[in-house]
Amino acid sequence: MGDLIPKSPGTSLAWNDPVLDLPELLTDVSDAVYIVGGAVRDAYLRRPIKDVDLVTSGSGMQLARTIANRLNGAYYPLDAERDVGRALIETPDGRLIFDVARFRGGDLYTDLSDRDFTVNAIAVDVLGDLNLVIDPLGGIDDLKAKLLRRCGSQSIPNDPLRALRGVRQSVQFSLRIEAETLRDIRAANERLREVSAERVRDEFVKLLNLAKPATALRVAHGV
């Protein structure tokens, strides 16, 4: 298992006020709660944060409802079977979305390892220090090296849509695609037809909404 000890990423993380309020708002929560994924990446890169993914050892739907209530937001159940809920919070800077899920696989390490790319597999303990990261797969080092690397050998084969997402994020964050990751992206191209048309459409729209969509299309064509 990778190192789950929280460490400094070398700089402070740029969180917005509702996230900074979470530790105080959730002091009575006995379950583990972590910010994961793109929000941690964006806080490190000091990019605007509009979506915050949380994972917990308890009920994701229950925690989402608690966050909505305590931040005067709206609550929506997203996936009862997988215990995923959403809190929508209106802020002076626009709407902030909290999506809350129970751990994938039962613990934090398994949850992070099951994600797509290492830069999206970094966690912060909500009930700890919001400037320390849990980074067992080396996502911070990859961000520093401007590298997009898959979390594991099955990351892309398990979900071919991640190939298109990898192209988009390599352009979006100016990352070089690591060699084995590029190989897996190329191998997944033909399997994209196995993915639902809605998911492919949504990912393609995100690609076209980039600041440099032509660059992203060239990269996609090149792989």
Protein backbone atom coordinates (compact mmCIF):
# COMPACT_ATOMS: atom_id res chain seq x y z
CA MET A 1 0.00 0.00 0.00
CA GLY A 2 1.20 3.52 -0.76
CA ASP A 3 1.99 6.13 1.86
CA LEU A 4 -1.20 7.63 3.35
CA ILE A 5 0.61 9.99 5.70
CA PRO A 6 -0.45 13.63 5.01
CA LYS A 7 2.46 15.73 3.71
CA SER A 8 3.06 19.27 2.56
CA PRO A 9 2.90 19.66 -1.23
CA GLY A 10 5.43 22.47 -0.97
CA THR A 11 2.92 25.30 -1.15
CA SER A 12 -0.39 26.23 0.43
CA LEU A 13 -3.58 25.00 -1.24
CA ALA A 14 -5.98 27.65 -2.53
CA TRP A 15 -9.39 26.68 -1.11
CA ASN A 16 -12.50 28.80 -1.35
CA ASP A 17 -14.44 29.80 1.76
CA PRO A 18 -17.09 27.03 1.83
CA VAL A 19 -14.33 24.40 1.75
CA LEU A 20 -12.42 26.20 4.49
CA ASP A 21 -15.62 26.14 6.56
CA LEU A 22 -15.99 22.35 6.34
CA PRO A 23 -13.70 21.35 9.24
CA GLU A 24 -15.66 23.47 11.70
CA LEU A 25 -19.04 22.51 10.22
CA LEU A 26 -18.29 18.78 10.40
CA THR A 27 -16.64 18.53 13.83
CA ASP A 28 -19.40 16.19 15.02
CA VAL A 29 -18.96 13.77 12.09
CA SER A 30 -17.35 10.58 13.32
CA ASP A 31 -16.64 9.12 9.85
CA ALA A 32 -13.50 9.82 7.82
CA VAL A 33 -14.05 12.53 5.20
CA TYR A 34 -11.62 13.43 2.40
CA ILE A 35 -11.56 15.85 -0.53
CA VAL A 36 -10.34 13.91 -3.55
CA GLY A 37 -9.74 14.28 -7.25
CA GLY A 38 -9.80 17.42 -9.33
CA ALA A 39 -10.53 19.82 -6.49
CA VAL A 40 -7.22 18.97 -4.80
CA ARG A 41 -5.37 19.25 -8.10
CA ASP A 42 -6.96 22.64 -8.78
CA ALA A 43 -6.28 23.90 -5.25
CA TYR A 44 -2.61 23.02 -5.76
CA LEU A 45 -2.56 24.71 -9.18
CA ARG A 46 -4.48 27.67 -7.72
CA ARG A 47 -7.25 27.30 -10.27
CA PRO A 48 -10.92 28.20 -9.62
CA ILE A 49 -12.82 25.40 -7.90
CA LYS A 50 -16.44 24.81 -8.89
CA ASP A 51 -16.80 21.11 -8.09
CA VAL A 52 -15.61 19.34 -4.94
CA ASP A 53 -15.63 15.54 -4.70
CA LEU A 54 -15.70 14.11 -1.19
CA VAL A 55 -15.38 10.50 -0.09
CA THR A 56 -16.28 9.14 3.32
CA SER A 57 -16.20 5.92 5.28
CA GLY A 58 -19.85 6.59 6.15
CA SER A 59 -22.89 7.42 4.06
CA GLY A 60 -22.23 9.73 1.13
CA MET A 61 -25.87 10.72 0.81
CA GLN A 62 -26.20 11.51 4.49
CA LEU A 63 -23.04 13.61 4.50
CA ALA A 64 -24.14 15.51 1.38
CA ARG A 65 -27.42 16.33 3.10
CA THR A 66 -25.55 17.52 6.20
CA ILE A 67 -23.30 19.80 4.11
CA ALA A 68 -26.31 21.22 2.25
CA ASN A 69 -28.13 21.93 5.50
CA ARG A 70 -25.17 23.56 7.22
CA LEU A 71 -24.17 25.71 4.24
CA ASN A 72 -27.77 26.68 3.45
CA GLY A 73 -27.72 24.83 0.16
CA ALA A 74 -29.85 22.30 -1.70
CA TYR A 75 -29.50 18.53 -1.47
CA TYR A 76 -30.04 15.99 -4.25
CA PRO A 77 -29.62 12.20 -4.14
CA LEU A 78 -27.49 11.21 -7.14
CA ASP A 79 -27.14 7.44 -6.87
CA ALA A 80 -28.89 5.61 -4.04
CA GLU A 81 -27.35 2.27 -5.00
CA ARG A 82 -23.81 3.62 -4.74
CA ASP A 83 -24.70 6.00 -1.87
CA VAL A 84 -23.80 9.24 -3.70
CA GLY A 85 -25.38 12.59 -2.85
CA ARG A 86 -24.94 16.18 -4.01
CA ALA A 87 -25.01 19.51 -2.18
CA LEU A 88 -25.43 22.70 -4.24
CA ILE A 89 -24.17 25.82 -2.51
CA GLU A 90 -24.67 29.34 -3.83
CA THR A 91 -21.66 31.56 -3.15
CA PRO A 92 -20.70 35.14 -4.15
CA ASP A 93 -18.43 33.54 -6.77
CA GLY A 94 -21.14 31.30 -8.19
CA ARG A 95 -22.49 27.84 -7.54
CA LEU A 96 -20.27 25.30 -5.78
CA ILE A 97 -21.08 21.60 -6.14
CA PHE A 98 -20.19 19.02 -3.49
CA ASP A 99 -20.53 15.42 -4.65
CA VAL A 100 -20.18 12.99 -1.77
CA ALA A 101 -19.67 9.22 -2.09
CA ARG A 102 -18.82 6.30 0.10
CA PHE A 103 -15.27 4.96 -0.42
CA ARG A 104 -14.77 2.90 -3.54
CA GLY A 105 -13.48 -0.46 -2.36
CA GLY A 106 -13.88 0.32 1.31
CA ASP A 107 -10.82 2.47 2.07
CA LEU A 108 -9.01 5.59 0.89
CA TYR A 109 -6.07 3.86 -0.80
CA THR A 110 -8.34 1.61 -2.87
CA ASP A 111 -10.49 4.61 -3.76
CA LEU A 112 -7.52 6.64 -4.99
CA SER A 113 -5.97 3.69 -6.84
CA ASP A 114 -9.23 3.14 -8.72
CA ARG A 115 -9.15 6.64 -10.25
CA ASP A 116 -7.93 7.58 -13.72
CA PHE A 117 -4.72 9.60 -13.47
CA THR A 118 -2.36 10.29 -10.58
CA VAL A 119 -2.99 14.06 -10.74
CA ASN A 120 -6.62 13.26 -9.90
CA ALA A 121 -5.77 10.75 -7.17
CA ILE A 122 -4.71 13.12 -4.39
CA ALA A 123 -6.66 13.54 -1.15
CA VAL A 124 -6.96 16.03 1.70
CA ASP A 125 -8.37 15.11 5.12
CA VAL A 126 -11.30 17.47 5.73
CA LEU A 127 -11.02 16.93 9.48
CA GLY A 128 -7.26 17.49 9.45
CA ASP A 129 -4.97 20.12 7.92
CA LEU A 130 -6.35 21.38 4.59
CA ASN A 131 -2.81 22.26 3.45
CA LEU A 132 -1.52 18.68 3.69
CA VAL A 133 -2.07 16.11 0.95
CA ILE A 134 -2.34 12.35 0.95
CA ASP A 135 -0.66 11.31 -2.28
CA PRO A 136 0.22 7.59 -2.43
CA LEU A 137 0.50 7.52 -6.23
CA GLY A 138 2.73 10.58 -6.66
CA GLY A 139 0.26 12.98 -8.23
CA ILE A 140 1.94 16.11 -6.86
CA ASP A 141 5.31 15.04 -8.28
CA ASP A 142 3.63 14.45 -11.63
CA LEU A 143 2.05 17.91 -11.54
CA LYS A 144 5.48 19.40 -10.83
CA ALA A 145 6.93 17.38 -13.71
CA LYS A 146 3.99 18.36 -15.99
CA LEU A 147 3.23 14.68 -16.55
CA LEU A 148 -0.07 12.85 -17.06
CA ARG A 149 0.27 9.28 -15.78
CA ARG A 150 -2.36 6.60 -15.29
CA CYS A 151 -2.94 5.30 -11.76
CA GLY A 152 -2.41 1.68 -12.78
CA SER A 153 -2.29 -0.76 -15.65
CA GLN A 154 -6.09 -1.23 -15.62
CA SER A 155 -7.06 2.43 -15.20
CA ILE A 156 -7.83 3.03 -18.89
CA PRO A 157 -8.82 -0.52 -19.98
CA ASN A 158 -11.45 -0.55 -17.20
CA ASP A 159 -13.05 2.62 -18.64
CA PRO A 160 -12.08 3.50 -22.22
CA LEU A 161 -13.63 6.96 -21.85
CA ARG A 162 -10.60 7.82 -19.74
CA ALA A 163 -8.58 7.84 -22.97
CA LEU A 164 -10.52 10.86 -24.23
CA ARG A 165 -10.40 12.45 -20.78
CA GLY A 166 -6.63 11.97 -20.73
CA VAL A 167 -6.26 13.84 -24.03
CA ARG A 168 -8.44 16.67 -22.71
CA GLN A 169 -6.61 17.00 -19.41
CA SER A 170 -3.18 16.83 -21.03
CA VAL A 171 -4.09 19.94 -23.04
CA GLN A 172 -6.09 21.62 -20.27
CA PHE A 173 -3.20 21.43 -17.78
CA SER A 174 -0.29 21.44 -20.26
CA LEU A 175 0.82 17.93 -19.29
CA ARG A 176 2.95 15.51 -21.29
CA ILE A 177 1.35 12.07 -21.52
CA GLU A 178 3.64 9.42 -20.00
CA ALA A 179 4.68 6.62 -22.38
CA GLU A 180 2.71 3.71 -20.89
CA THR A 181 -0.32 5.94 -20.42
CA LEU A 182 -0.11 7.00 -24.07
CA ARG A 183 0.09 3.35 -25.12
CA ASP A 184 -3.07 2.57 -23.14
CA ILE A 185 -4.87 5.61 -24.57
CA ARG A 186 -4.07 4.48 -28.11
CA ALA A 187 -5.19 0.93 -27.32
CA ALA A 188 -8.51 2.22 -25.95
CA ASN A 189 -9.46 4.20 -29.03
CA GLU A 190 -11.36 1.35 -30.68
CA ARG A 191 -13.14 0.52 -27.42
CA LEU A 192 -14.68 3.97 -27.12
CA ARG A 193 -17.64 2.61 -29.10
CA GLU A 194 -18.38 0.40 -26.07
CA VAL A 195 -19.00 3.52 -23.95
CA SER A 196 -22.47 5.06 -23.88
CA ALA A 197 -22.99 7.80 -26.45
CA GLU A 198 -24.03 10.21 -23.69
CA ARG A 199 -20.76 9.82 -21.80
CA VAL A 200 -18.67 10.24 -24.95
CA ARG A 201 -20.72 13.30 -25.96
CA ASP A 202 -20.28 14.92 -22.55
CA GLU A 203 -16.53 14.37 -22.56
CA PHE A 204 -16.21 15.63 -26.14
CA VAL A 205 -18.15 18.79 -25.26
CA LYS A 206 -15.70 19.43 -22.40
CA LEU A 207 -12.85 19.02 -24.86
CA LEU A 208 -14.41 21.52 -27.27
CA ASN A 209 -14.92 23.99 -24.42
CA LEU A 210 -11.20 24.18 -23.69
CA ALA A 211 -9.36 27.43 -24.32
CA LYS A 212 -7.50 25.67 -27.15
CA PRO A 213 -9.94 23.12 -28.60
CA ALA A 214 -8.02 22.89 -31.88
CA THR A 215 -4.92 21.77 -29.98
CA ALA A 216 -6.95 19.14 -28.14
CA LEU A 217 -8.41 17.85 -31.40
CA ARG A 218 -4.91 17.60 -32.92
CA VAL A 219 -3.68 15.65 -29.89
CA ALA A 220 -6.73 13.37 -30.04
CA HIS A 221 -6.10 12.74 -33.72
CA GLY A 222 -2.43 12.11 -33.07
CA VAL A 223 -3.00 9.39 -30.51
